[in-house]
Amino acid sequence: MRFYRLWDIIGDRKRGIKGILPISRAAWYAGIKDGRYPKPVKLSEKTSAWRSSDIEALVERLNRGCWNKQANEGVSNERK
């Protein structure tokens, strides 16, 4: 299983790493708290990462224009 670290997702200018998503660290963690973005997995006491499958699903959802996972789940449930 592959994991992404935070700098892989949002980038790190000091390290020259271009992020997957153009988002700030604060906005990323706010999105996790709100349920818009996936929660991290603890790899050790001081190390968190995100499953590649979760990040790839997020990118796919964002590419489809679904910005808020919670809102979109509610819409799909109403249509059923």
C-alpha atoms as a PDB file:
ATOM      1  CA  MET A   1       0.000   0.000   0.000  1.00  0.00           C
ATOM      2  CA  ARG A   2       1.301   3.459  -0.927  1.00  0.00           C
ATOM      3  CA  PHE A   3       0.967   6.486   1.325  1.00  0.00           C
ATOM      4  CA  TYR A   4       1.261  10.225   0.742  1.00  0.00           C
ATOM      5  CA  ARG A   5       2.791  12.539   3.301  1.00  0.00           C
ATOM      6  CA  LEU A   6       1.393  16.038   3.782  1.00  0.00           C
ATOM      7  CA  TRP A   7       4.095  17.657   1.640  1.00  0.00           C
ATOM      8  CA  ASP A   8       3.232  15.276  -1.215  1.00  0.00           C
ATOM      9  CA  ILE A   9      -0.367  16.501  -1.100  1.00  0.00           C
ATOM     10  CA  ILE A  10       0.005  20.255  -0.553  1.00  0.00           C
ATOM     11  CA  GLY A  11       3.620  20.679  -1.644  1.00  0.00           C
ATOM     12  CA  ASP A  12       6.642  22.213   0.049  1.00  0.00           C
ATOM     13  CA  ARG A  13       8.388  25.179  -1.564  1.00  0.00           C
ATOM     14  CA  LYS A  14      11.507  24.840   0.594  1.00  0.00           C
ATOM     15  CA  ARG A  15      12.025  21.256  -0.586  1.00  0.00           C
ATOM     16  CA  GLY A  16      10.958  22.035  -4.150  1.00  0.00           C
ATOM     17  CA  ILE A  17       8.040  19.600  -3.974  1.00  0.00           C
ATOM     18  CA  LYS A  18       5.050  20.463  -6.112  1.00  0.00           C
ATOM     19  CA  GLY A  19       1.825  19.435  -4.411  1.00  0.00           C
ATOM     20  CA  ILE A  20      -1.074  17.445  -5.810  1.00  0.00           C
ATOM     21  CA  LEU A  21      -3.620  20.012  -4.583  1.00  0.00           C
ATOM     22  CA  PRO A  22      -3.247  23.807  -4.502  1.00  0.00           C
ATOM     23  CA  ILE A  23      -4.299  24.250  -0.881  1.00  0.00           C
ATOM     24  CA  SER A  24      -2.754  25.631   2.290  1.00  0.00           C
ATOM     25  CA  ARG A  25      -1.910  23.512   5.299  1.00  0.00           C
ATOM     26  CA  ALA A  26      -4.574  25.282   7.399  1.00  0.00           C
ATOM     27  CA  ALA A  27      -7.257  24.765   4.737  1.00  0.00           C
ATOM     28  CA  TRP A  28      -6.270  21.087   4.385  1.00  0.00           C
ATOM     29  CA  TYR A  29      -6.647  20.415   8.118  1.00  0.00           C
ATOM     30  CA  ALA A  30      -9.903  22.422   8.254  1.00  0.00           C
ATOM     31  CA  GLY A  31     -11.203  20.212   5.428  1.00  0.00           C
ATOM     32  CA  ILE A  32     -10.267  17.081   7.375  1.00  0.00           C
ATOM     33  CA  LYS A  33     -12.097  18.418  10.421  1.00  0.00           C
ATOM     34  CA  ASP A  34     -15.171  19.225   8.282  1.00  0.00           C
ATOM     35  CA  GLY A  35     -15.115  15.811   6.609  1.00  0.00           C
ATOM     36  CA  ARG A  36     -14.320  17.145   3.117  1.00  0.00           C
ATOM     37  CA  TYR A  37     -10.879  15.522   2.997  1.00  0.00           C
ATOM     38  CA  PRO A  38      -9.733  12.078   4.162  1.00  0.00           C
ATOM     39  CA  LYS A  39      -8.357  11.535   7.641  1.00  0.00           C
ATOM     40  CA  PRO A  40      -4.706  10.578   8.011  1.00  0.00           C
ATOM     41  CA  VAL A  41      -3.360   7.214   9.105  1.00  0.00           C
ATOM     42  CA  LYS A  42      -0.806   7.177  11.933  1.00  0.00           C
ATOM     43  CA  LEU A  43       2.321   5.346  10.789  1.00  0.00           C
ATOM     44  CA  SER A  44       4.105   6.035  14.055  1.00  0.00           C
ATOM     45  CA  GLU A  45       3.764   8.330  17.061  1.00  0.00           C
ATOM     46  CA  LYS A  46       4.969  11.386  15.116  1.00  0.00           C
ATOM     47  CA  THR A  47       4.228  10.348  11.529  1.00  0.00           C
ATOM     48  CA  SER A  48       0.905  10.680   9.724  1.00  0.00           C
ATOM     49  CA  ALA A  49       0.172   9.882   6.102  1.00  0.00           C
ATOM     50  CA  TRP A  50      -2.780   9.429   3.782  1.00  0.00           C
ATOM     51  CA  ARG A  51      -3.635   6.319   1.781  1.00  0.00           C
ATOM     52  CA  SER A  52      -2.942   6.863  -1.905  1.00  0.00           C
ATOM     53  CA  SER A  53      -6.369   5.426  -2.738  1.00  0.00           C
ATOM     54  CA  ASP A  54      -8.042   8.074  -0.541  1.00  0.00           C
ATOM     55  CA  ILE A  55      -6.101  10.925  -2.160  1.00  0.00           C
ATOM     56  CA  GLU A  56      -6.679   9.598  -5.677  1.00  0.00           C
ATOM     57  CA  ALA A  57     -10.430   9.337  -4.960  1.00  0.00           C
ATOM     58  CA  LEU A  58     -10.388  12.910  -3.635  1.00  0.00           C
ATOM     59  CA  VAL A  59      -8.633  14.200  -6.757  1.00  0.00           C
ATOM     60  CA  GLU A  60     -11.143  12.361  -8.957  1.00  0.00           C
ATOM     61  CA  ARG A  61     -14.055  13.819  -6.976  1.00  0.00           C
ATOM     62  CA  LEU A  62     -12.617  17.325  -7.246  1.00  0.00           C
ATOM     63  CA  ASN A  63     -12.037  16.884 -10.993  1.00  0.00           C
ATOM     64  CA  ARG A  64     -15.740  16.046 -11.369  1.00  0.00           C
ATOM     65  CA  GLY A  65     -16.577  19.314  -9.612  1.00  0.00           C
ATOM     66  CA  CYS A  66     -17.721  17.743  -6.348  1.00  0.00           C
ATOM     67  CA  TRP A  67     -16.107  20.087  -3.834  1.00  0.00           C
ATOM     68  CA  ASN A  68     -17.981  19.036  -0.713  1.00  0.00           C
ATOM     69  CA  LYS A  69     -18.240  15.300  -0.130  1.00  0.00           C
ATOM     70  CA  GLN A  70     -20.911  15.692   2.563  1.00  0.00           C
ATOM     71  CA  ALA A  71     -23.144  17.893   0.389  1.00  0.00           C
ATOM     72  CA  ASN A  72     -22.832  15.545  -2.578  1.00  0.00           C
ATOM     73  CA  GLU A  73     -23.696  12.503  -0.478  1.00  0.00           C
ATOM     74  CA  GLY A  74     -26.864  14.259   0.663  1.00  0.00           C
ATOM     75  CA  VAL A  75     -27.869  15.057  -2.927  1.00  0.00           C
ATOM     76  CA  SER A  76     -27.359  11.483  -4.095  1.00  0.00           C
ATOM     77  CA  ASN A  77     -29.392  10.170  -1.150  1.00  0.00           C
ATOM     78  CA  GLU A  78     -32.275  12.526  -1.940  1.00  0.00           C
ATOM     79  CA  ARG A  79     -32.456  11.312  -5.546  1.00  0.00           C
ATOM     80  CA  LYS A  80     -32.905   7.673  -4.546  1.00  0.00           C
END
